[in-house]
C-alpha atoms as a PDB file:
ATOM      1  CA  MET A   1      26.537 -48.837   3.425  1.00  0.00           C
ATOM      2  CA  ARG A   2      23.162 -47.113   3.666  1.00  0.00           C
ATOM      3  CA  ILE A   3      21.086 -47.452   0.493  1.00  0.00           C
ATOM      4  CA  ARG A   4      18.514 -44.664   0.353  1.00  0.00           C
ATOM      5  CA  VAL A   5      15.192 -45.671  -1.221  1.00  0.00           C
ATOM      6  CA  GLY A   6      12.359 -43.308  -2.136  1.00  0.00           C
ATOM      7  CA  HIS A   7       9.063 -45.243  -2.186  1.00  0.00           C
ATOM      8  CA  LEU A   8       6.530 -43.187  -4.131  1.00  0.00           C
ATOM      9  CA  TYR A   9       2.892 -43.325  -2.984  1.00  0.00           C
ATOM     10  CA  PRO A  10       3.049 -46.566  -0.942  1.00  0.00           C
ATOM     11  CA  ASP A  11      -0.469 -45.908   0.390  1.00  0.00           C
ATOM     12  CA  TYR A  12      -1.967 -45.723  -3.104  1.00  0.00           C
ATOM     13  CA  LEU A  13       0.065 -47.981  -5.397  1.00  0.00           C
ATOM     14  CA  ASN A  14       0.508 -51.438  -3.881  1.00  0.00           C
ATOM     15  CA  ILE A  15      -1.621 -53.861  -5.892  1.00  0.00           C
ATOM     16  CA  TYR A  16      -0.626 -57.556  -6.094  1.00  0.00           C
ATOM     17  CA  ALA A  17       1.720 -57.199  -3.109  1.00  0.00           C
ATOM     18  CA  ASP A  18       4.122 -54.936  -4.997  1.00  0.00           C
ATOM     19  CA  ARG A  19       5.335 -53.707  -1.600  1.00  0.00           C
ATOM     20  CA  GLY A  20       7.043 -57.116  -1.354  1.00  0.00           C
ATOM     21  CA  ASN A  21       9.691 -55.875  -3.774  1.00  0.00           C
ATOM     22  CA  ILE A  22      10.934 -53.497  -1.078  1.00  0.00           C
ATOM     23  CA  ALA A  23      11.056 -56.363   1.432  1.00  0.00           C
ATOM     24  CA  VAL A  24      13.213 -58.406  -0.948  1.00  0.00           C
ATOM     25  CA  LEU A  25      15.614 -55.532  -1.568  1.00  0.00           C
ATOM     26  CA  SER A  26      15.886 -54.897   2.155  1.00  0.00           C
ATOM     27  CA  GLU A  27      16.656 -58.515   3.009  1.00  0.00           C
ATOM     28  CA  ARG A  28      19.176 -58.984   0.196  1.00  0.00           C
ATOM     29  CA  ALA A  29      20.927 -55.754   1.199  1.00  0.00           C
ATOM     30  CA  ARG A  30      21.004 -56.830   4.867  1.00  0.00           C
ATOM     31  CA  ALA A  31      22.547 -60.178   3.928  1.00  0.00           C
ATOM     32  CA  ARG A  32      25.504 -58.256   2.449  1.00  0.00           C
ATOM     33  CA  GLY A  33      25.908 -55.932   5.428  1.00  0.00           C
ATOM     34  CA  HIS A  34      24.028 -52.985   3.899  1.00  0.00           C
ATOM     35  CA  HIS A  35      20.984 -51.143   5.247  1.00  0.00           C
ATOM     36  CA  LEU A  36      17.990 -50.158   3.145  1.00  0.00           C
ATOM     37  CA  ASP A  37      16.753 -46.778   4.385  1.00  0.00           C
ATOM     38  CA  VAL A  38      13.240 -46.504   2.924  1.00  0.00           C
ATOM     39  CA  ARG A  39      11.560 -43.089   2.805  1.00  0.00           C
ATOM     40  CA  ALA A  40       7.921 -42.764   1.766  1.00  0.00           C
ATOM     41  CA  ILE A  41       7.316 -39.958  -0.734  1.00  0.00           C
ATOM     42  CA  GLY A  42       3.623 -39.162  -0.778  1.00  0.00           C
ATOM     43  CA  LYS A  43       1.366 -36.516  -2.211  1.00  0.00           C
ATOM     44  CA  ARG A  44       2.701 -32.990  -1.685  1.00  0.00           C
ATOM     45  CA  ASP A  45       6.053 -34.357  -0.444  1.00  0.00           C
ATOM     46  CA  ALA A  46       9.107 -32.890  -2.143  1.00  0.00           C
ATOM     47  CA  VAL A  47      11.524 -35.173  -3.968  1.00  0.00           C
ATOM     48  CA  PRO A  48      14.818 -35.045  -2.044  1.00  0.00           C
ATOM     49  CA  VAL A  49      17.126 -34.392  -4.987  1.00  0.00           C
ATOM     50  CA  GLY A  50      20.519 -36.037  -4.576  1.00  0.00           C
ATOM     51  CA  GLU A  51      19.420 -37.935  -1.456  1.00  0.00           C
ATOM     52  CA  ILE A  52      17.872 -41.047  -3.052  1.00  0.00           C
ATOM     53  CA  ASP A  53      19.796 -43.937  -4.610  1.00  0.00           C
ATOM     54  CA  LEU A  54      16.773 -45.969  -5.761  1.00  0.00           C
ATOM     55  CA  PHE A  55      13.218 -44.827  -6.457  1.00  0.00           C
ATOM     56  CA  TYR A  56      10.322 -47.284  -6.448  1.00  0.00           C
ATOM     57  CA  ILE A  57       6.686 -46.971  -7.511  1.00  0.00           C
ATOM     58  CA  GLY A  58       4.202 -49.834  -7.518  1.00  0.00           C
ATOM     59  CA  GLY A  59       1.002 -50.644  -9.362  1.00  0.00           C
ATOM     60  CA  GLY A  60      -2.577 -49.534  -8.883  1.00  0.00           C
ATOM     61  CA  GLN A  61      -5.923 -49.413 -10.594  1.00  0.00           C
ATOM     62  CA  ASP A  62      -7.243 -46.465 -12.614  1.00  0.00           C
ATOM     63  CA  ARG A  63      -8.702 -44.784  -9.537  1.00  0.00           C
ATOM     64  CA  GLU A  64      -5.402 -44.816  -7.660  1.00  0.00           C
ATOM     65  CA  GLN A  65      -3.466 -43.695 -10.731  1.00  0.00           C
ATOM     66  CA  ALA A  66      -5.842 -40.756 -11.158  1.00  0.00           C
ATOM     67  CA  LEU A  67      -5.368 -39.788  -7.513  1.00  0.00           C
ATOM     68  CA  VAL A  68      -1.582 -39.484  -7.809  1.00  0.00           C
ATOM     69  CA  ALA A  69      -1.008 -38.566 -11.480  1.00  0.00           C
ATOM     70  CA  ASP A  70      -1.076 -34.780 -11.129  1.00  0.00           C
ATOM     71  CA  ASP A  71       1.083 -34.847  -8.018  1.00  0.00           C
ATOM     72  CA  LEU A  72       3.589 -37.144  -9.720  1.00  0.00           C
ATOM     73  CA  ALA A  73       3.652 -34.857 -12.766  1.00  0.00           C
ATOM     74  CA  ALA A  74       4.586 -31.984 -10.441  1.00  0.00           C
ATOM     75  CA  LYS A  75       7.562 -34.089  -9.323  1.00  0.00           C
ATOM     76  CA  ALA A  76       8.691 -34.758 -12.910  1.00  0.00           C
ATOM     77  CA  ASP A  77      11.705 -32.450 -13.043  1.00  0.00           C
ATOM     78  CA  PRO A  78      13.481 -33.645  -9.874  1.00  0.00           C
ATOM     79  CA  LEU A  79      12.756 -37.300 -10.699  1.00  0.00           C
ATOM     80  CA  ARG A  80      14.186 -36.947 -14.205  1.00  0.00           C
ATOM     81  CA  GLU A  81      17.158 -35.064 -12.780  1.00  0.00           C
ATOM     82  CA  ALA A  82      17.802 -37.864 -10.293  1.00  0.00           C
ATOM     83  CA  VAL A  83      17.821 -40.528 -13.018  1.00  0.00           C
ATOM     84  CA  GLU A  84      20.067 -38.445 -15.270  1.00  0.00           C
ATOM     85  CA  ASN A  85      22.470 -38.168 -12.313  1.00  0.00           C
ATOM     86  CA  GLY A  86      22.615 -41.935 -11.866  1.00  0.00           C
ATOM     87  CA  ALA A  87      19.837 -42.882  -9.448  1.00  0.00           C
ATOM     88  CA  ALA A  88      18.076 -46.195 -10.089  1.00  0.00           C
ATOM     89  CA  PHE A  89      14.307 -46.433 -10.559  1.00  0.00           C
ATOM     90  CA  LEU A  90      11.916 -49.406 -10.637  1.00  0.00           C
ATOM     91  CA  ALA A  91       8.299 -48.834 -11.715  1.00  0.00           C
ATOM     92  CA  VAL A  92       5.643 -51.556 -11.811  1.00  0.00           C
ATOM     93  CA  CYS A  93       2.405 -51.605 -13.843  1.00  0.00           C
ATOM     94  CA  GLY A  94       0.402 -48.453 -12.972  1.00  0.00           C
ATOM     95  CA  GLY A  95       3.585 -46.712 -11.873  1.00  0.00           C
ATOM     96  CA  TYR A  96       5.267 -47.820 -15.099  1.00  0.00           C
ATOM     97  CA  GLN A  97       2.482 -46.270 -17.170  1.00  0.00           C
ATOM     98  CA  LEU A  98       2.858 -42.934 -15.377  1.00  0.00           C
ATOM     99  CA  LEU A  99       6.575 -42.771 -16.184  1.00  0.00           C
ATOM    100  CA  GLY A 100       5.695 -42.312 -19.863  1.00  0.00           C
ATOM    101  CA  ASP A 101       4.218 -39.295 -21.609  1.00  0.00           C
ATOM    102  CA  PHE A 102       0.591 -40.036 -20.648  1.00  0.00           C
ATOM    103  CA  TYR A 103      -1.877 -42.750 -19.668  1.00  0.00           C
ATOM    104  CA  ARG A 104      -5.361 -42.739 -21.226  1.00  0.00           C
ATOM    105  CA  ASP A 105      -7.716 -44.971 -19.240  1.00  0.00           C
ATOM    106  CA  VAL A 106     -10.559 -47.104 -20.576  1.00  0.00           C
ATOM    107  CA  ALA A 107     -13.049 -44.278 -19.971  1.00  0.00           C
ATOM    108  CA  GLY A 108     -10.980 -41.991 -22.192  1.00  0.00           C
ATOM    109  CA  ASP A 109      -9.630 -39.809 -19.388  1.00  0.00           C
ATOM    110  CA  GLU A 110      -6.005 -38.856 -19.961  1.00  0.00           C
ATOM    111  CA  HIS A 111      -3.542 -38.584 -17.075  1.00  0.00           C
ATOM    112  CA  PRO A 112      -0.140 -36.913 -17.396  1.00  0.00           C
ATOM    113  CA  GLY A 113       3.062 -38.869 -17.117  1.00  0.00           C
ATOM    114  CA  ILE A 114       6.490 -37.542 -16.216  1.00  0.00           C
ATOM    115  CA  GLY A 115       8.161 -38.244 -19.558  1.00  0.00           C
ATOM    116  CA  LEU A 116      10.993 -40.232 -18.027  1.00  0.00           C
ATOM    117  CA  LEU A 117      10.494 -43.294 -20.230  1.00  0.00           C
ATOM    118  CA  PRO A 118       9.891 -42.875 -23.998  1.00  0.00           C
ATOM    119  CA  LEU A 119       6.392 -44.369 -24.222  1.00  0.00           C
ATOM    120  CA  HIS A 120       2.680 -43.750 -23.857  1.00  0.00           C
ATOM    121  CA  THR A 121      -0.209 -45.985 -22.805  1.00  0.00           C
ATOM    122  CA  VAL A 122      -3.825 -46.278 -23.968  1.00  0.00           C
ATOM    123  CA  ALA A 123      -6.202 -48.684 -22.228  1.00  0.00           C
ATOM    124  CA  GLU A 124      -8.617 -51.015 -24.008  1.00  0.00           C
ATOM    125  CA  LYS A 125     -11.521 -52.983 -22.550  1.00  0.00           C
ATOM    126  CA  ARG A 126      -9.898 -56.406 -22.885  1.00  0.00           C
ATOM    127  CA  ARG A 127      -7.389 -57.067 -20.112  1.00  0.00           C
ATOM    128  CA  MET A 128      -4.156 -58.986 -20.611  1.00  0.00           C
ATOM    129  CA  ILE A 129      -3.822 -61.404 -17.706  1.00  0.00           C
ATOM    130  CA  GLY A 130      -1.573 -64.318 -16.780  1.00  0.00           C
ATOM    131  CA  ASP A 131       1.955 -65.511 -16.222  1.00  0.00           C
ATOM    132  CA  VAL A 132       4.650 -64.014 -18.427  1.00  0.00           C
ATOM    133  CA  LEU A 133       8.269 -64.859 -19.200  1.00  0.00           C
ATOM    134  CA  LEU A 134      10.809 -62.470 -20.696  1.00  0.00           C
ATOM    135  CA  ASP A 135      14.198 -62.828 -22.353  1.00  0.00           C
ATOM    136  CA  CYS A 136      16.408 -59.974 -21.105  1.00  0.00           C
ATOM    137  CA  ALA A 137      19.221 -60.349 -23.615  1.00  0.00           C
ATOM    138  CA  TRP A 138      20.999 -57.240 -22.280  1.00  0.00           C
ATOM    139  CA  ALA A 139      21.552 -59.094 -18.986  1.00  0.00           C
ATOM    140  CA  GLY A 140      21.731 -62.682 -20.258  1.00  0.00           C
ATOM    141  CA  GLU A 141      18.825 -63.590 -17.949  1.00  0.00           C
ATOM    142  CA  THR A 142      15.076 -64.218 -17.949  1.00  0.00           C
ATOM    143  CA  LEU A 143      12.357 -62.533 -15.897  1.00  0.00           C
ATOM    144  CA  ALA A 144       9.195 -64.315 -14.761  1.00  0.00           C
ATOM    145  CA  GLY A 145       6.101 -62.688 -13.303  1.00  0.00           C
ATOM    146  CA  PHE A 146       2.371 -62.060 -13.570  1.00  0.00           C
ATOM    147  CA  GLU A 147       0.603 -59.434 -15.672  1.00  0.00           C
ATOM    148  CA  ASN A 148      -2.902 -57.983 -15.400  1.00  0.00           C
ATOM    149  CA  HIS A 149      -3.411 -54.750 -17.331  1.00  0.00           C
ATOM    150  CA  ALA A 150      -5.817 -53.098 -19.737  1.00  0.00           C
ATOM    151  CA  GLY A 151      -3.194 -50.615 -20.900  1.00  0.00           C
ATOM    152  CA  ARG A 152      -1.457 -51.039 -24.240  1.00  0.00           C
ATOM    153  CA  THR A 153       1.956 -49.439 -23.849  1.00  0.00           C
ATOM    154  CA  ILE A 154       3.645 -48.232 -27.013  1.00  0.00           C
ATOM    155  CA  LEU A 155       7.399 -47.677 -26.943  1.00  0.00           C
ATOM    156  CA  HIS A 156       8.611 -44.711 -28.970  1.00  0.00           C
ATOM    157  CA  GLU A 157      11.199 -45.060 -31.679  1.00  0.00           C
ATOM    158  CA  GLY A 158      14.589 -45.950 -30.235  1.00  0.00           C
ATOM    159  CA  ALA A 159      13.221 -47.007 -26.832  1.00  0.00           C
ATOM    160  CA  GLU A 160      14.762 -50.104 -25.248  1.00  0.00           C
ATOM    161  CA  PRO A 161      12.374 -52.748 -23.873  1.00  0.00           C
ATOM    162  CA  LEU A 162      13.110 -54.435 -20.573  1.00  0.00           C
ATOM    163  CA  GLY A 163      12.781 -57.770 -22.355  1.00  0.00           C
ATOM    164  CA  ARG A 164      11.287 -59.697 -25.238  1.00  0.00           C
ATOM    165  CA  VAL A 165       8.231 -61.815 -24.563  1.00  0.00           C
ATOM    166  CA  ILE A 166       8.799 -65.565 -24.572  1.00  0.00           C
ATOM    167  CA  ALA A 167       5.278 -66.259 -23.292  1.00  0.00           C
ATOM    168  CA  GLY A 168       2.500 -63.890 -22.280  1.00  0.00           C
ATOM    169  CA  PHE A 169       1.303 -60.555 -23.664  1.00  0.00           C
ATOM    170  CA  GLY A 170       3.824 -57.895 -22.644  1.00  0.00           C
ATOM    171  CA  ASN A 171       3.366 -54.196 -23.375  1.00  0.00           C
ATOM    172  CA  ASP A 172       0.608 -54.509 -25.943  1.00  0.00           C
ATOM    173  CA  GLY A 173       0.122 -58.164 -26.945  1.00  0.00           C
ATOM    174  CA  ARG A 174       1.485 -57.490 -30.434  1.00  0.00           C
ATOM    175  CA  SER A 175       4.979 -56.027 -30.494  1.00  0.00           C
ATOM    176  CA  GLY A 176       6.686 -58.725 -28.413  1.00  0.00           C
ATOM    177  CA  ASP A 177       8.191 -56.053 -26.155  1.00  0.00           C
ATOM    178  CA  GLU A 178       7.732 -55.890 -22.396  1.00  0.00           C
ATOM    179  CA  GLY A 179       8.669 -53.016 -20.184  1.00  0.00           C
ATOM    180  CA  CYS A 180      11.171 -50.289 -20.914  1.00  0.00           C
ATOM    181  CA  ARG A 181      14.610 -49.327 -19.645  1.00  0.00           C
ATOM    182  CA  TYR A 182      16.507 -46.060 -19.747  1.00  0.00           C
ATOM    183  CA  ARG A 183      19.827 -45.520 -17.991  1.00  0.00           C
ATOM    184  CA  ARG A 184      19.153 -47.050 -14.524  1.00  0.00           C
ATOM    185  CA  ALA A 185      15.353 -46.729 -14.790  1.00  0.00           C
ATOM    186  CA  TYR A 186      13.182 -49.786 -15.456  1.00  0.00           C
ATOM    187  CA  GLY A 187       9.459 -50.089 -16.040  1.00  0.00           C
ATOM    188  CA  THR A 188       7.500 -53.339 -16.263  1.00  0.00           C
ATOM    189  CA  TYR A 189       4.036 -54.852 -15.995  1.00  0.00           C
ATOM    190  CA  LEU A 190       5.347 -57.822 -14.007  1.00  0.00           C
ATOM    191  CA  HIS A 191       3.630 -58.216 -10.639  1.00  0.00           C
ATOM    192  CA  GLY A 192       3.740 -61.110  -8.270  1.00  0.00           C
ATOM    193  CA  PRO A 193       5.683 -59.341  -6.726  1.00  0.00           C
ATOM    194  CA  LEU A 194       8.502 -59.335  -9.250  1.00  0.00           C
ATOM    195  CA  LEU A 195      11.722 -59.579  -7.243  1.00  0.00           C
ATOM    196  CA  PRO A 196      11.227 -62.696  -5.044  1.00  0.00           C
ATOM    197  CA  ARG A 197      11.304 -64.963  -8.102  1.00  0.00           C
ATOM    198  CA  ASN A 198      13.971 -62.960  -9.970  1.00  0.00           C
ATOM    199  CA  PRO A 199      16.884 -62.526  -7.531  1.00  0.00           C
ATOM    200  CA  TRP A 200      19.332 -61.522 -10.264  1.00  0.00           C
ATOM    201  CA  PHE A 201      17.232 -58.449 -11.030  1.00  0.00           C
ATOM    202  CA  ALA A 202      16.955 -57.522  -7.357  1.00  0.00           C
ATOM    203  CA  ASP A 203      20.747 -57.659  -7.098  1.00  0.00           C
ATOM    204  CA  HIS A 204      21.116 -55.659 -10.307  1.00  0.00           C
ATOM    205  CA  LEU A 205      19.017 -52.859  -8.791  1.00  0.00           C
ATOM    206  CA  LEU A 206      20.948 -53.012  -5.525  1.00  0.00           C
ATOM    207  CA  ALA A 207      24.272 -52.822  -7.358  1.00  0.00           C
ATOM    208  CA  GLU A 208      23.142 -49.767  -9.312  1.00  0.00           C
ATOM    209  CA  ALA A 209      21.864 -48.112  -6.139  1.00  0.00           C
ATOM    210  CA  LEU A 210      25.175 -48.830  -4.407  1.00  0.00           C
ATOM    211  CA  ALA A 211      27.063 -47.331  -7.335  1.00  0.00           C
ATOM    212  CA  HIS A 212      24.983 -44.167  -7.010  1.00  0.00           C
ATOM    213  CA  ALA A 213      25.725 -44.104  -3.284  1.00  0.00           C
ATOM    214  CA  GLY A 214      29.439 -44.177  -4.034  1.00  0.00           C
ATOM    215  CA  ALA A 215      30.098 -47.758  -2.919  1.00  0.00           C
ATOM    216  CA  ALA A 216      31.566 -50.710  -4.785  1.00  0.00           C
ATOM    217  CA  PRO A 217      28.634 -52.381  -6.555  1.00  0.00           C
ATOM    218  CA  GLU A 218      29.959 -55.944  -6.226  1.00  0.00           C
ATOM    219  CA  LEU A 219      27.581 -58.242  -4.307  1.00  0.00           C
ATOM    220  CA  GLN A 220      28.594 -61.671  -3.092  1.00  0.00           C
ATOM    221  CA  PRO A 221      26.269 -64.516  -4.131  1.00  0.00           C
ATOM    222  CA  LEU A 222      23.493 -65.638  -1.796  1.00  0.00           C
ATOM    223  CA  PRO A 223      21.991 -69.133  -1.379  1.00  0.00           C
ATOM    224  CA  ASP A 224      19.034 -68.599  -3.705  1.00  0.00           C
ATOM    225  CA  GLU A 225      17.722 -72.156  -4.089  1.00  0.00           C
ATOM    226  CA  LEU A 226      14.148 -71.239  -3.138  1.00  0.00           C
ATOM    227  CA  GLU A 227      14.196 -68.108  -5.291  1.00  0.00           C
ATOM    228  CA  HIS A 228      15.442 -70.047  -8.300  1.00  0.00           C
ATOM    229  CA  GLU A 229      12.810 -72.728  -7.724  1.00  0.00           C
ATOM    230  CA  ALA A 230      10.128 -70.021  -7.656  1.00  0.00           C
ATOM    231  CA  HIS A 231      11.498 -68.653 -10.924  1.00  0.00           C
ATOM    232  CA  VAL A 232      11.406 -72.082 -12.569  1.00  0.00           C
ATOM    233  CA  VAL A 233       7.813 -72.709 -11.466  1.00  0.00           C
ATOM    234  CA  SER A 234       6.677 -69.285 -12.695  1.00  0.00           C
ATOM    235  CA  ALA A 235       8.530 -69.673 -15.986  1.00  0.00           C
ATOM    236  CA  GLU A 236       6.975 -73.084 -16.598  1.00  0.00           C
ATOM    237  CA  ARG A 237       3.479 -71.723 -15.925  1.00  0.00           C
ATOM    238  CA  ALA A 238       4.129 -68.999 -18.491  1.00  0.00           C
ATOM    239  CA  ARG A 239       5.420 -71.472 -21.088  1.00  0.00           C
ATOM    240  CA  THR A 240       2.402 -73.709 -20.552  1.00  0.00           C
ATOM    241  CA  ARG A 241       0.156 -70.711 -21.029  1.00  0.00           C
ATOM    242  CA  GLY A 242       1.643 -70.088 -24.449  1.00  0.00           C
ATOM    243  CA  GLY A 243       2.176 -67.060 -26.612  1.00  0.00           C
ATOM    244  CA  ARG A 244       0.436 -63.775 -27.260  1.00  0.00           C
ATOM    245  CA  PHE A 245      -2.943 -63.282 -28.907  1.00  0.00           C
END
C-alpha cells in the first residue's frame, strides 16, 4: 500500500532533526511492505485535497515561522477539510503553534494560525528547555522527547491534550498539559526527533494513515529493542530532571 505524506515546508521547518520523523515512518512502513510516498508542500504550493493520508510539519524558530505563517494560513481551508475527512496530521513545536488560532512571538508580533487545533500561543522571554515525559492515558502509553520553546500554549475549553506531563514543562509550565489532539491531528513540542524513541506513536500514525488510504490499519510488531531502550533512557533523563517550575 502507498501511504501518501504531505511534508509542509521541509526547507524552513526542520529544527532539532525533525525531518528524522519522516525517516522513521518510511522505514517502519517499508518493514511492513508499504511505501511512504512523501510530497513536499512548500510556499505557494496547493494542498492536494483528498490525495494525502498524513500531513507533517516540523519545528522552526520565530524567523522561519514568520516566513511561512501567511502562506500556511492561506492553506487553512483545505488542511482543515483533509483532517475532517480522516487524514492524519503530526505537527511539532513551531508547526504545532501555527495549527492554533495564532502565535504571538517574544517581540509581540502576531502570526496567524490555521485554527485546526483549539489553542493559541504567546511567547515569553524565558525558554522551557529539557527532556520531557508524558502520560498518554488515551493510548495507555508514554511519550519521551526534548522540548525547547519560549511559547506558552493555552488549550481552549474542551481541548484534549496529547498527554499529561510526568516530568518537564509541557505547553506552558503550569497546566500540566502537553500538546493537543483532535480527530487524527496531533500537535506537540517534543523534538529529538520524536518518533525514533516512541515507536508506538509512529505506528499509531501509520495505522491512521493506512485507514485513510482505505487499507487495513493492522501492523505486525517489529523488533524494537533499540527503540525501547532509547525511550527508557530518555524517560529516565526526564524523571531525573524533575517536575515543572
